[in-house]
PDB file of N, CA and C in Angstrom:
ATOM      1  N   MET A   1      18.049  84.830  87.859  1.00  0.00           N
ATOM      2  CA  MET A   1      18.953  85.590  87.530  1.00  0.00           C
ATOM      3  C   MET A   1      19.702  86.008  88.658  1.00  0.00           C
ATOM      4  N   ALA A   2      19.148  86.444  89.369  1.00  0.00           N
ATOM      5  CA  ALA A   2      19.967  87.059  90.775  1.00  0.00           C
ATOM      6  C   ALA A   2      20.780  86.187  91.530  1.00  0.00           C
ATOM      7  N   ASP A   3      20.879  84.850  91.633  1.00  0.00           N
ATOM      8  CA  ASP A   3      21.850  84.262  91.801  1.00  0.00           C
ATOM      9  C   ASP A   3      23.200  84.295  91.429  1.00  0.00           C
ATOM     10  N   PHE A   4      23.343  84.723  90.261  1.00  0.00           N
ATOM     11  CA  PHE A   4      24.942  84.871  89.522  1.00  0.00           C
ATOM     12  C   PHE A   4      26.068  85.612  90.393  1.00  0.00           C
ATOM     13  N   PRO A   5      25.668  86.891  90.887  1.00  0.00           N
ATOM     14  CA  PRO A   5      26.491  87.635  91.608  1.00  0.00           C
ATOM     15  C   PRO A   5      26.944  86.774  92.901  1.00  0.00           C
ATOM     16  N   ILE A   6      25.913  86.181  93.611  1.00  0.00           N
ATOM     17  CA  ILE A   6      26.142  85.422  94.858  1.00  0.00           C
ATOM     18  C   ILE A   6      26.873  84.286  94.340  1.00  0.00           C
ATOM     19  N   LYS A   7      26.720  83.487  93.606  1.00  0.00           N
ATOM     20  CA  LYS A   7      27.709  82.100  92.941  1.00  0.00           C
ATOM     21  C   LYS A   7      28.990  82.889  92.761  1.00  0.00           C
ATOM     22  N   ASN A   8      29.083  83.655  91.972  1.00  0.00           N
ATOM     23  CA  ASN A   8      30.475  84.329  91.852  1.00  0.00           C
ATOM     24  C   ASN A   8      31.267  84.559  93.201  1.00  0.00           C
ATOM     25  N   ILE A   9      30.666  85.353  93.933  1.00  0.00           N
ATOM     26  CA  ILE A   9      31.216  85.493  95.545  1.00  0.00           C
ATOM     27  C   ILE A   9      31.460  84.185  95.769  1.00  0.00           C
ATOM     28  N   VAL A  10      30.765  83.364  96.033  1.00  0.00           N
ATOM     29  CA  VAL A  10      31.029  81.938  96.704  1.00  0.00           C
ATOM     30  C   VAL A  10      32.239  81.073  95.964  1.00  0.00           C
ATOM     31  N   TYR A  11      32.202  81.316  94.594  1.00  0.00           N
ATOM     32  CA  TYR A  11      33.170  80.584  93.694  1.00  0.00           C
ATOM     33  C   TYR A  11      34.447  81.294  94.072  1.00  0.00           C
ATOM     34  N   GLU A  12      34.563  82.807  94.030  1.00  0.00           N
ATOM     35  CA  GLU A  12      35.910  83.160  94.311  1.00  0.00           C
ATOM     36  C   GLU A  12      36.407  82.950  95.655  1.00  0.00           C
ATOM     37  N   LYS A  13      35.730  83.339  96.776  1.00  0.00           N
ATOM     38  CA  LYS A  13      35.845  82.580  98.164  1.00  0.00           C
ATOM     39  C   LYS A  13      36.796  81.239  98.075  1.00  0.00           C
ATOM     40  N   ILE A  14      35.962  80.334  97.421  1.00  0.00           N
ATOM     41  CA  ILE A  14      36.599  78.902  97.045  1.00  0.00           C
ATOM     42  C   ILE A  14      38.039  78.801  96.415  1.00  0.00           C
ATOM     43  N   LYS A  15      37.708  79.610  95.166  1.00  0.00           N
ATOM     44  CA  LYS A  15      38.961  79.851  94.287  1.00  0.00           C
ATOM     45  C   LYS A  15      40.127  80.237  95.114  1.00  0.00           C
ATOM     46  N   ALA A  16      39.939  80.987  95.893  1.00  0.00           N
ATOM     47  CA  ALA A  16      40.933  81.577  96.830  1.00  0.00           C
ATOM     48  C   ALA A  16      41.746  80.989  97.570  1.00  0.00           C
ATOM     49  N   ALA A  17      40.858  80.030  98.220  1.00  0.00           N
ATOM     50  CA  ALA A  17      41.445  79.013  99.321  1.00  0.00           C
ATOM     51  C   ALA A  17      41.593  77.931  98.673  1.00  0.00           C
ATOM     52  N   THR A  18      41.425  77.538  97.405  1.00  0.00           N
ATOM     53  CA  THR A  18      41.628  75.933  96.697  1.00  0.00           C
ATOM     54  C   THR A  18      40.429  75.130  97.163  1.00  0.00           C
ATOM     55  N   SER A  19      41.013  74.817  98.670  1.00  0.00           N
ATOM     56  CA  SER A  19      40.311  73.744  99.315  1.00  0.00           C
ATOM     57  C   SER A  19      39.803  74.281 100.922  1.00  0.00           C
ATOM     58  N   LEU A  20      38.699  73.858 101.160  1.00  0.00           N
ATOM     59  CA  LEU A  20      38.196  74.386 102.642  1.00  0.00           C
ATOM     60  C   LEU A  20      37.122  73.594 103.080  1.00  0.00           C
ATOM     61  N   THR A  21      36.561  73.754 103.891  1.00  0.00           N
ATOM     62  CA  THR A  21      35.260  73.015 104.733  1.00  0.00           C
ATOM     63  C   THR A  21      34.243  73.852 104.436  1.00  0.00           C
ATOM     64  N   ASP A  22      32.803  73.503 104.450  1.00  0.00           N
ATOM     65  CA  ASP A  22      31.587  74.215 104.110  1.00  0.00           C
ATOM     66  C   ASP A  22      31.788  75.337 105.578  1.00  0.00           C
ATOM     67  N   ALA A  23      32.241  74.938 106.791  1.00  0.00           N
ATOM     68  CA  ALA A  23      32.037  75.719 107.778  1.00  0.00           C
ATOM     69  C   ALA A  23      32.943  76.761 107.701  1.00  0.00           C
ATOM     70  N   ASP A  24      34.079  76.478 107.206  1.00  0.00           N
ATOM     71  CA  ASP A  24      35.400  77.677 106.656  1.00  0.00           C
ATOM     72  C   ASP A  24      34.818  78.705 105.732  1.00  0.00           C
ATOM     73  N   LEU A  25      34.140  78.272 104.644  1.00  0.00           N
ATOM     74  CA  LEU A  25      33.391  78.858 103.546  1.00  0.00           C
ATOM     75  C   LEU A  25      32.388  79.552 104.268  1.00  0.00           C
ATOM     76  N   ILE A  26      31.260  79.354 105.155  1.00  0.00           N
ATOM     77  CA  ILE A  26      30.280  80.092 105.417  1.00  0.00           C
ATOM     78  C   ILE A  26      30.833  81.400 106.171  1.00  0.00           C
ATOM     79  N   LYS A  27      32.189  80.714 107.263  1.00  0.00           N
ATOM     80  CA  LYS A  27      32.723  82.294 108.050  1.00  0.00           C
ATOM     81  C   LYS A  27      33.369  83.063 107.229  1.00  0.00           C
ATOM     82  N   ALA A  28      34.023  82.544 106.150  1.00  0.00           N
ATOM     83  CA  ALA A  28      34.503  83.240 105.102  1.00  0.00           C
ATOM     84  C   ALA A  28      33.779  84.479 104.393  1.00  0.00           C
ATOM     85  N   LEU A  29      32.553  83.937 104.131  1.00  0.00           N
ATOM     86  CA  LEU A  29      31.362  84.602 103.444  1.00  0.00           C
ATOM     87  C   LEU A  29      30.749  85.779 104.320  1.00  0.00           C
ATOM     88  N   THR A  30      30.545  85.319 105.674  1.00  0.00           N
ATOM     89  CA  THR A  30      29.773  86.038 106.765  1.00  0.00           C
ATOM     90  C   THR A  30      30.809  86.888 107.168  1.00  0.00           C
ATOM     91  N   LYS A  31      32.461  86.882 106.775  1.00  0.00           N
ATOM     92  CA  LYS A  31      33.379  87.775 107.334  1.00  0.00           C
ATOM     93  C   LYS A  31      33.007  88.880 106.316  1.00  0.00           C
ATOM     94  N   SER A  32      32.746  88.610 105.198  1.00  0.00           N
ATOM     95  CA  SER A  32      32.761  89.346 103.995  1.00  0.00           C
ATOM     96  C   SER A  32      31.592  89.892 103.815  1.00  0.00           C
ATOM     97  N   GLY A  33      30.609  89.858 104.614  1.00  0.00           N
ATOM     98  CA  GLY A  33      29.277  90.670 104.768  1.00  0.00           C
ATOM     99  C   GLY A  33      28.255  89.946 103.672  1.00  0.00           C
ATOM    100  N   THR A  34      28.632  88.358 103.291  1.00  0.00           N
ATOM    101  CA  THR A  34      27.538  87.932 102.651  1.00  0.00           C
ATOM    102  C   THR A  34      26.907  86.836 103.707  1.00  0.00           C
ATOM    103  N   THR A  35      25.816  87.146 103.941  1.00  0.00           N
ATOM    104  CA  THR A  35      25.145  85.763 104.664  1.00  0.00           C
ATOM    105  C   THR A  35      24.097  85.101 103.913  1.00  0.00           C
ATOM    106  N   LEU A  36      23.937  83.625 103.958  1.00  0.00           N
ATOM    107  CA  LEU A  36      23.254  83.029 103.148  1.00  0.00           C
ATOM    108  C   LEU A  36      22.641  81.965 104.173  1.00  0.00           C
ATOM    109  N   PRO A  37      21.007  81.859 103.963  1.00  0.00           N
ATOM    110  CA  PRO A  37      20.714  80.399 104.739  1.00  0.00           C
ATOM    111  C   PRO A  37      21.100  79.234 103.906  1.00  0.00           C
ATOM    112  N   ASP A  38      21.061  78.288 104.867  1.00  0.00           N
ATOM    113  CA  ASP A  38      21.329  77.224 104.382  1.00  0.00           C
ATOM    114  C   ASP A  38      21.207  76.422 103.327  1.00  0.00           C
ATOM    115  N   ASP A  39      19.695  76.556 102.965  1.00  0.00           N
ATOM    116  CA  ASP A  39      19.168  76.016 101.837  1.00  0.00           C
ATOM    117  C   ASP A  39      19.834  76.928 100.583  1.00  0.00           C
ATOM    118  N   LYS A  40      20.054  77.979 100.593  1.00  0.00           N
ATOM    119  CA  LYS A  40      20.340  78.635  99.702  1.00  0.00           C
ATOM    120  C   LYS A  40      21.873  78.276  99.211  1.00  0.00           C
ATOM    121  N   PHE A  41      22.747  78.356 100.421  1.00  0.00           N
ATOM    122  CA  PHE A  41      24.149  78.240 100.452  1.00  0.00           C
ATOM    123  C   PHE A  41      24.468  76.651  99.690  1.00  0.00           C
ATOM    124  N   ASN A  42      23.476  75.757 100.117  1.00  0.00           N
ATOM    125  CA  ASN A  42      23.578  74.325  99.549  1.00  0.00           C
ATOM    126  C   ASN A  42      23.098  74.438  98.106  1.00  0.00           C
ATOM    127  N   LYS A  43      22.471  75.114  97.672  1.00  0.00           N
ATOM    128  CA  LYS A  43      22.027  75.172  96.306  1.00  0.00           C
ATOM    129  C   LYS A  43      23.164  75.941  95.419  1.00  0.00           C
ATOM    130  N   ILE A  44      23.704  76.612  95.931  1.00  0.00           N
ATOM    131  CA  ILE A  44      24.855  77.420  94.774  1.00  0.00           C
ATOM    132  C   ILE A  44      25.935  76.435  94.922  1.00  0.00           C
ATOM    133  N   LEU A  45      26.191  75.843  96.304  1.00  0.00           N
ATOM    134  CA  LEU A  45      27.151  74.674  95.995  1.00  0.00           C
ATOM    135  C   LEU A  45      26.961  73.647  95.073  1.00  0.00           C
ATOM    136  N   LEU A  46      25.738  73.250  95.047  1.00  0.00           N
ATOM    137  CA  LEU A  46      25.419  72.108  94.215  1.00  0.00           C
ATOM    138  C   LEU A  46      25.232  72.640  92.543  1.00  0.00           C
ATOM    139  N   ASP A  47      24.726  73.848  92.683  1.00  0.00           N
ATOM    140  CA  ASP A  47      24.974  74.649  90.931  1.00  0.00           C
ATOM    141  C   ASP A  47      26.458  74.615  90.527  1.00  0.00           C
ATOM    142  N   LEU A  48      27.221  75.295  91.255  1.00  0.00           N
ATOM    143  CA  LEU A  48      28.541  74.972  91.137  1.00  0.00           C
ATOM    144  C   LEU A  48      29.546  73.788  90.852  1.00  0.00           C
ATOM    145  N   GLU A  49      29.062  72.757  91.521  1.00  0.00           N
ATOM    146  CA  GLU A  49      29.374  71.127  91.127  1.00  0.00           C
ATOM    147  C   GLU A  49      28.673  70.875  90.249  1.00  0.00           C
ATOM    148  N   ILE A  50      27.735  71.380  89.646  1.00  0.00           N
ATOM    149  CA  ILE A  50      26.897  70.561  88.446  1.00  0.00           C
ATOM    150  C   ILE A  50      27.548  71.302  87.348  1.00  0.00           C
ATOM    151  N   MET A  51      27.918  72.735  87.559  1.00  0.00           N
ATOM    152  CA  MET A  51      28.613  73.658  86.424  1.00  0.00           C
ATOM    153  C   MET A  51      30.455  72.761  86.334  1.00  0.00           C
ATOM    154  N   GLY A  52      30.502  71.891  87.247  1.00  0.00           N
ATOM    155  CA  GLY A  52      32.051  71.408  86.985  1.00  0.00           C
ATOM    156  C   GLY A  52      33.157  72.308  87.463  1.00  0.00           C
ATOM    157  N   LEU A  53      32.896  73.300  88.279  1.00  0.00           N
ATOM    158  CA  LEU A  53      33.492  74.318  89.022  1.00  0.00           C
ATOM    159  C   LEU A  53      34.419  73.973  89.991  1.00  0.00           C
ATOM    160  N   ILE A  54      33.441  72.989  90.979  1.00  0.00           N
ATOM    161  CA  ILE A  54      33.762  72.684  92.127  1.00  0.00           C
ATOM    162  C   ILE A  54      33.688  71.270  92.330  1.00  0.00           C
ATOM    163  N   LYS A  55      34.013  70.862  93.494  1.00  0.00           N
ATOM    164  CA  LYS A  55      33.902  69.068  93.932  1.00  0.00           C
ATOM    165  C   LYS A  55      33.553  69.541  95.223  1.00  0.00           C
ATOM    166  N   VAL A  56      32.419  69.047  95.825  1.00  0.00           N
ATOM    167  CA  VAL A  56      32.120  68.907  97.203  1.00  0.00           C
ATOM    168  C   VAL A  56      32.258  67.126  97.596  1.00  0.00           C
ATOM    169  N   SER A  57      32.782  66.930  98.600  1.00  0.00           N
ATOM    170  CA  SER A  57      32.819  65.515  99.237  1.00  0.00           C
ATOM    171  C   SER A  57      32.645  65.778 101.102  1.00  0.00           C
ATOM    172  N   TRP A  58      32.318  64.531 101.223  1.00  0.00           N
ATOM    173  CA  TRP A  58      32.191  64.675 102.817  1.00  0.00           C
ATOM    174  C   TRP A  58      33.356  64.180 103.717  1.00  0.00           C
ATOM    175  N   LEU A  59      33.664  64.818 104.593  1.00  0.00           N
ATOM    176  CA  LEU A  59      34.821  64.545 105.282  1.00  0.00           C
ATOM    177  C   LEU A  59      34.350  63.834 106.308  1.00  0.00           C
ATOM    178  N   THR A  60      33.198  64.374 107.481  1.00  0.00           N
ATOM    179  CA  THR A  60      32.644  63.818 108.343  1.00  0.00           C
ATOM    180  C   THR A  60      31.359  63.626 108.240  1.00  0.00           C
ATOM    181  N   LYS A  61      30.465  63.162 109.055  1.00  0.00           N
ATOM    182  CA  LYS A  61      28.972  63.228 108.896  1.00  0.00           C
ATOM    183  C   LYS A  61      28.286  64.479 108.782  1.00  0.00           C
ATOM    184  N   ASP A  62      29.031  65.531 109.483  1.00  0.00           N
ATOM    185  CA  ASP A  62      28.618  66.854 109.329  1.00  0.00           C
ATOM    186  C   ASP A  62      29.436  67.713 108.980  1.00  0.00           C
ATOM    187  N   THR A  63      30.793  67.372 108.324  1.00  0.00           N
ATOM    188  CA  THR A  63      31.402  68.482 107.191  1.00  0.00           C
ATOM    189  C   THR A  63      31.863  68.169 106.012  1.00  0.00           C
ATOM    190  N   ARG A  64      31.778  68.880 104.970  1.00  0.00           N
ATOM    191  CA  ARG A  64      32.117  68.526 103.756  1.00  0.00           C
ATOM    192  C   ARG A  64      33.108  69.582 103.303  1.00  0.00           C
ATOM    193  N   ARG A  65      34.035  68.933 102.516  1.00  0.00           N
ATOM    194  CA  ARG A  65      35.302  69.276 101.826  1.00  0.00           C
ATOM    195  C   ARG A  65      34.720  69.929 100.351  1.00  0.00           C
ATOM    196  N   VAL A  66      35.218  71.233 100.488  1.00  0.00           N
ATOM    197  CA  VAL A  66      34.630  71.995  98.994  1.00  0.00           C
ATOM    198  C   VAL A  66      36.210  72.593  98.338  1.00  0.00           C
ATOM    199  N   GLU A  67      36.286  72.100  97.087  1.00  0.00           N
ATOM    200  CA  GLU A  67      37.709  72.417  96.548  1.00  0.00           C
ATOM    201  C   GLU A  67      37.391  72.758  95.037  1.00  0.00           C
ATOM    202  N   VAL A  68      38.137  73.445  94.607  1.00  0.00           N
ATOM    203  CA  VAL A  68      38.049  73.655  93.020  1.00  0.00           C
ATOM    204  C   VAL A  68      38.605  72.727  92.226  1.00  0.00           C
ATOM    205  N   THR A  69      37.810  72.553  90.956  1.00  0.00           N
ATOM    206  CA  THR A  69      38.033  71.596  90.347  1.00  0.00           C
ATOM    207  C   THR A  69      39.073  72.065  89.053  1.00  0.00           C
ATOM    208  N   ILE A  70      39.958  71.104  88.924  1.00  0.00           N
ATOM    209  CA  ILE A  70      40.931  71.462  87.996  1.00  0.00           C
ATOM    210  C   ILE A  70      40.849  71.223  86.677  1.00  0.00           C
ATOM    211  N   GLN A  71      40.474  72.107  85.902  1.00  0.00           N
ATOM    212  CA  GLN A  71      40.424  71.758  84.123  1.00  0.00           C
ATOM    213  C   GLN A  71      41.638  71.289  83.768  1.00  0.00           C
ATOM    214  N   GLU A  72      41.319  70.206  82.981  1.00  0.00           N
ATOM    215  CA  GLU A  72      42.385  69.490  82.281  1.00  0.00           C
ATOM    216  C   GLU A  72      42.945  70.030  80.984  1.00  0.00           C
ATOM    217  N   ALA A  73      44.093  69.876  80.819  1.00  0.00           N
ATOM    218  CA  ALA A  73      44.486  70.388  79.386  1.00  0.00           C
ATOM    219  C   ALA A  73      43.673  69.993  78.150  1.00  0.00           C
ATOM    220  N   GLU A  74      42.868  68.768  77.964  1.00  0.00           N
ATOM    221  CA  GLU A  74      42.333  68.539  76.997  1.00  0.00           C
ATOM    222  C   GLU A  74      41.355  69.119  76.778  1.00  0.00           C
ATOM    223  N   GLU A  75      40.573  69.681  77.550  1.00  0.00           N
ATOM    224  CA  GLU A  75      39.801  70.452  77.199  1.00  0.00           C
ATOM    225  C   GLU A  75      40.151  71.803  76.286  1.00  0.00           C
ATOM    226  N   ASP A  76      41.431  72.289  76.896  1.00  0.00           N
ATOM    227  CA  ASP A  76      41.889  73.565  76.076  1.00  0.00           C
ATOM    228  C   ASP A  76      42.283  73.050  74.921  1.00  0.00           C
ATOM    229  N   ASP A  77      42.789  71.935  74.573  1.00  0.00           N
ATOM    230  CA  ASP A  77      43.017  71.496  73.080  1.00  0.00           C
ATOM    231  C   ASP A  77      41.695  71.440  72.292  1.00  0.00           C
ATOM    232  N   TYR A  78      40.771  70.763  72.832  1.00  0.00           N
ATOM    233  CA  TYR A  78      39.419  70.846  72.096  1.00  0.00           C
ATOM    234  C   TYR A  78      38.943  72.141  71.842  1.00  0.00           C
ATOM    235  N   GLU A  79      38.979  72.883  72.821  1.00  0.00           N
ATOM    236  CA  GLU A  79      38.488  74.382  72.667  1.00  0.00           C
ATOM    237  C   GLU A  79      39.508  74.850  71.251  1.00  0.00           C
ATOM    238  N   GLU A  80      40.823  74.760  71.401  1.00  0.00           N
ATOM    239  CA  GLU A  80      41.558  75.515  70.417  1.00  0.00           C
ATOM    240  C   GLU A  80      41.383  74.833  69.231  1.00  0.00           C
ATOM    241  N   GLN A  81      40.961  73.367  68.805  1.00  0.00           N
ATOM    242  CA  GLN A  81      40.749  72.776  67.461  1.00  0.00           C
ATOM    243  C   GLN A  81      39.423  73.699  67.088  1.00  0.00           C
ATOM    244  N   ASN A  82      38.628  73.651  67.942  1.00  0.00           N
ATOM    245  CA  ASN A  82      37.168  74.040  67.586  1.00  0.00           C
ATOM    246  C   ASN A  82      37.427  75.511  67.258  1.00  0.00           C
ATOM    247  N   LYS A  83      38.010  76.055  67.732  1.00  0.00           N
ATOM    248  CA  LYS A  83      38.371  77.920  67.717  1.00  0.00           C
ATOM    249  C   LYS A  83      39.053  77.688  66.088  1.00  0.00           C
ATOM    250  N   GLU A  84      39.983  77.092  65.944  1.00  0.00           N
ATOM    251  CA  GLU A  84      40.493  77.020  64.477  1.00  0.00           C
ATOM    252  C   GLU A  84      39.384  76.763  63.399  1.00  0.00           C
ATOM    253  N   MET A  85      38.928  75.577  63.748  1.00  0.00           N
ATOM    254  CA  MET A  85      37.555  75.311  62.773  1.00  0.00           C
ATOM    255  C   MET A  85      36.785  76.359  62.354  1.00  0.00           C
ATOM    256  N   MET A  86      36.405  76.909  63.222  1.00  0.00           N
ATOM    257  CA  MET A  86      35.519  77.759  63.236  1.00  0.00           C
ATOM    258  C   MET A  86      35.884  78.878  62.422  1.00  0.00           C
ATOM    259  N   GLU A  87      36.930  79.365  63.018  1.00  0.00           N
ATOM    260  CA  GLU A  87      38.013  80.585  61.892  1.00  0.00           C
ATOM    261  C   GLU A  87      37.990  80.134  60.304  1.00  0.00           C
ATOM    262  N   LYS A  88      38.388  78.951  60.009  1.00  0.00           N
ATOM    263  CA  LYS A  88      38.479  78.230  58.819  1.00  0.00           C
ATOM    264  C   LYS A  88      37.358  78.365  58.019  1.00  0.00           C
ATOM    265  N   ASP A  89      36.062  78.054  58.843  1.00  0.00           N
ATOM    266  CA  ASP A  89      34.875  77.898  57.920  1.00  0.00           C
ATOM    267  C   ASP A  89      34.562  79.597  57.813  1.00  0.00           C
ATOM    268  N   TYR A  90      34.648  80.404  58.613  1.00  0.00           N
ATOM    269  CA  TYR A  90      34.122  81.670  58.691  1.00  0.00           C
ATOM    270  C   TYR A  90      34.960  82.512  57.465  1.00  0.00           C
ATOM    271  N   GLU A  91      36.318  82.084  57.169  1.00  0.00           N
ATOM    272  CA  GLU A  91      37.020  82.498  56.321  1.00  0.00           C
ATOM    273  C   GLU A  91      36.642  82.329  54.895  1.00  0.00           C
ATOM    274  N   ALA A  92      36.209  80.629  55.193  1.00  0.00           N
ATOM    275  CA  ALA A  92      35.770  79.992  53.677  1.00  0.00           C
ATOM    276  C   ALA A  92      34.283  80.479  53.041  1.00  0.00           C
ATOM    277  N   SER A  93      33.612  80.968  54.001  1.00  0.00           N
ATOM    278  CA  SER A  93      32.277  81.275  53.614  1.00  0.00           C
ATOM    279  C   SER A  93      32.140  82.879  52.812  1.00  0.00           C
ATOM    280  N   PHE A  94      33.839  83.155  52.468  1.00  0.00           N
ATOM    281  CA  PHE A  94      33.941  84.213  51.538  1.00  0.00           C
ATOM    282  C   PHE A  94      34.521  84.099  50.498  1.00  0.00           C
ATOM    283  N   PRO A  95      33.677  83.434  49.274  1.00  0.00           N
ATOM    284  CA  PRO A  95      34.423  82.868  47.955  1.00  0.00           C
ATOM    285  C   PRO A  95      34.884  83.840  47.330  1.00  0.00           C
ATOM    286  N   GLY A  96      36.186  83.909  46.809  1.00  0.00           N
ATOM    287  CA  GLY A  96      36.819  84.596  45.961  1.00  0.00           C
ATOM    288  C   GLY A  96      37.231  85.655  46.253  1.00  0.00           C
ATOM    289  N   VAL A  97      37.399  85.901  47.819  1.00  0.00           N
ATOM    290  CA  VAL A  97      38.202  86.717  48.671  1.00  0.00           C
ATOM    291  C   VAL A  97      39.431  86.600  48.280  1.00  0.00           C
ATOM    292  N   GLU A  98      39.871  85.236  48.688  1.00  0.00           N
ATOM    293  CA  GLU A  98      41.295  85.164  48.433  1.00  0.00           C
ATOM    294  C   GLU A  98      42.241  85.086  47.184  1.00  0.00           C
ATOM    295  N   ASP A  99      41.416  85.071  45.944  1.00  0.00           N
ATOM    296  CA  ASP A  99      41.549  85.425  44.599  1.00  0.00           C
ATOM    297  C   ASP A  99      41.968  86.866  44.407  1.00  0.00           C
ATOM    298  N   SER A 100      41.455  87.894  45.082  1.00  0.00           N
ATOM    299  CA  SER A 100      41.612  89.283  44.633  1.00  0.00           C
ATOM    300  C   SER A 100      43.041  89.729  45.196  1.00  0.00           C
TER     301      SER A 100
END
């Protein structure tokens, strides 16, 4: 659980830049006082990519591009429908309330 604050810091740096190289990200983190070993840095990038927050792709043999994943509107529509359905189910769980 100790990884969450560091993941948040890394994600906020990526989000602020929208797109940057891994080297630029490391420089930005170091400049703000956060230093990470390579294995920890790579694990955080992998975790953020698995969570669907970022996309990492290779530019050259030694350079990766890191960018924020754009959330599509379809997911928002689905969440909205889900929320409405949950509200209706919740209201329906109180029989006889509407009659009073």
